């Protein structure tokens, strides 16, 4: 999931520069996996984040990793500020190959009902 999260962020940054790149599949896989991670207690709600462009996200984490999950804007929400670096980073040796990361998440989701996920 960590690798998929990093891939999503790198794609997001590229989309900001090149609108022809489609990040829908990666963000959908990430959203599906986070739904089930939360349901299984692998991550929990930490807070909310409002980005400078107005996008709104729920922050989920487990003490080691944090993830942003796109959400509808909610009036009156207290936004949590946490020390999370959200800049994309180049792939490093600890990160799985992109296709392998996608395959792992797809295998995890195999046989699970697909849920609706919010997209920005």
Protein backbone atom coordinates (compact mmCIF):
# COMPACT_ATOMS: atom_id res chain seq x y z
CA UNK A 1 0.00 0.00 0.00
CA UNK A 2 2.91 2.32 0.77
CA UNK A 3 4.19 1.89 -2.78
CA UNK A 4 0.73 2.43 -4.26
CA UNK A 5 0.37 5.59 -2.19
CA UNK A 6 3.70 6.91 -3.50
CA UNK A 7 2.73 6.01 -7.07
CA UNK A 8 -0.58 7.85 -6.66
CA UNK A 9 1.18 10.96 -5.39
CA UNK A 10 3.73 10.94 -8.23
CA UNK A 11 0.93 10.49 -10.78
CA UNK A 12 -1.06 13.27 -9.10
CA UNK A 13 1.90 15.63 -9.45
CA UNK A 14 2.33 14.67 -13.12
CA UNK A 15 -1.39 15.19 -13.77
CA UNK A 16 -1.05 18.71 -12.45
CA UNK A 17 1.53 19.24 -15.21
CA UNK A 18 -0.04 17.00 -17.89
CA UNK A 19 -3.82 16.61 -17.96
CA UNK A 20 -3.62 13.65 -20.39
CA UNK A 21 -2.42 11.27 -17.63
CA UNK A 22 -5.24 9.17 -16.12
CA UNK A 23 -4.79 8.44 -12.42
CA UNK A 24 -8.30 7.01 -11.90
CA UNK A 25 -7.24 3.35 -11.62
CA UNK A 26 -4.51 3.96 -9.04
CA UNK A 27 -6.72 6.18 -6.87
CA UNK A 28 -9.59 3.69 -7.13
CA UNK A 29 -7.36 0.82 -5.98
CA UNK A 30 -6.02 2.96 -3.15
CA UNK A 31 -9.54 3.94 -2.06
CA UNK A 32 -10.80 0.36 -2.19
CA UNK A 33 -7.84 -0.91 -0.16
CA UNK A 34 -8.12 1.87 2.43
CA UNK A 35 -11.81 1.07 2.89
CA UNK A 36 -10.99 -2.53 3.80
CA UNK A 37 -7.85 -1.62 5.79
CA UNK A 38 -10.01 0.62 7.98
CA UNK A 39 -12.75 -2.02 8.31
CA UNK A 40 -10.13 -4.57 9.43
CA UNK A 41 -8.48 -2.19 11.89
CA UNK A 42 -5.24 -1.89 9.92
CA UNK A 43 -5.59 1.90 9.78
CA UNK A 44 -7.69 4.35 11.77
CA UNK A 45 -9.03 7.86 11.34
CA UNK A 46 -6.45 10.49 12.36
CA UNK A 47 -7.99 13.70 11.07
CA UNK A 48 -8.80 15.74 7.99
CA UNK A 49 -6.71 17.77 5.60
CA UNK A 50 -7.80 20.58 3.34
CA UNK A 51 -5.44 21.18 0.45
CA UNK A 52 -4.65 24.62 -0.94
CA UNK A 53 -6.68 23.81 -4.08
CA UNK A 54 -9.79 23.15 -1.95
CA UNK A 55 -9.64 19.34 -2.08
CA UNK A 56 -10.61 17.69 1.18
CA UNK A 57 -9.17 14.42 2.50
CA UNK A 58 -9.50 12.17 5.49
CA UNK A 59 -6.17 11.15 7.01
CA UNK A 60 -5.87 7.47 7.93
CA UNK A 61 -2.87 5.89 9.59
CA UNK A 62 -1.45 3.15 11.75
CA UNK A 63 1.44 4.80 13.61
CA UNK A 64 3.90 4.02 10.82
CA UNK A 65 2.17 5.10 7.63
CA UNK A 66 -0.38 7.78 6.83
CA UNK A 67 -2.67 7.99 3.83
CA UNK A 68 -4.95 10.69 2.43
CA UNK A 69 -8.38 9.44 1.33
CA UNK A 70 -10.36 11.90 -0.84
CA UNK A 71 -13.63 12.99 0.77
CA UNK A 72 -16.46 15.39 0.07
CA UNK A 73 -15.88 18.78 1.72
CA UNK A 74 -17.70 18.97 5.06
CA UNK A 75 -18.65 22.29 6.62
CA UNK A 76 -17.56 22.77 10.21
CA UNK A 77 -14.87 20.08 10.12
CA UNK A 78 -11.82 20.60 12.31
CA UNK A 79 -8.77 20.11 10.16
CA UNK A 80 -5.94 18.22 11.79
CA UNK A 81 -2.44 19.37 11.05
CA UNK A 82 0.02 16.54 11.36
CA UNK A 83 3.65 16.27 10.41
CA UNK A 84 3.13 14.32 7.23
CA UNK A 85 5.26 14.92 4.19
CA UNK A 86 2.94 14.82 1.20
CA UNK A 87 5.45 15.65 -1.50
CA UNK A 88 5.97 12.95 -4.09
CA UNK A 89 9.29 11.21 -3.89
CA UNK A 90 11.36 9.37 -6.45
CA UNK A 91 11.17 5.59 -6.31
CA UNK A 92 13.79 4.09 -4.00
CA UNK A 93 15.10 0.56 -3.42
CA UNK A 94 12.59 -0.10 -0.59
CA UNK A 95 9.66 0.51 -2.91
CA UNK A 96 8.07 -2.34 -4.84
CA UNK A 97 7.91 -2.26 -8.61
CA UNK A 98 4.79 -0.35 -9.68
CA UNK A 99 3.12 -3.32 -11.39
CA UNK A 100 3.92 -5.65 -8.49
CA UNK A 101 2.36 -3.16 -6.05
CA UNK A 102 -0.77 -2.98 -8.19
CA UNK A 103 -0.90 -6.79 -8.45
CA UNK A 104 -0.60 -7.15 -4.64
CA UNK A 105 -3.45 -4.72 -3.98
CA UNK A 106 -5.61 -6.34 -6.68
CA UNK A 107 -4.97 -9.76 -5.10
CA UNK A 108 -5.90 -8.35 -1.68
CA UNK A 109 -9.15 -6.96 -3.14
CA UNK A 110 -9.99 -10.14 -5.09
CA UNK A 111 -13.35 -11.48 -3.98
CA UNK A 112 -14.23 -8.34 -2.00
CA UNK A 113 -17.18 -6.19 -2.96
CA UNK A 114 -16.23 -2.95 -4.66
CA UNK A 115 -17.25 0.13 -2.71
CA UNK A 116 -17.86 3.66 -3.90
CA UNK A 117 -14.84 5.88 -3.43
CA UNK A 118 -14.77 9.65 -3.75
CA UNK A 119 -12.48 11.05 -6.42
CA UNK A 120 -11.24 14.60 -6.72
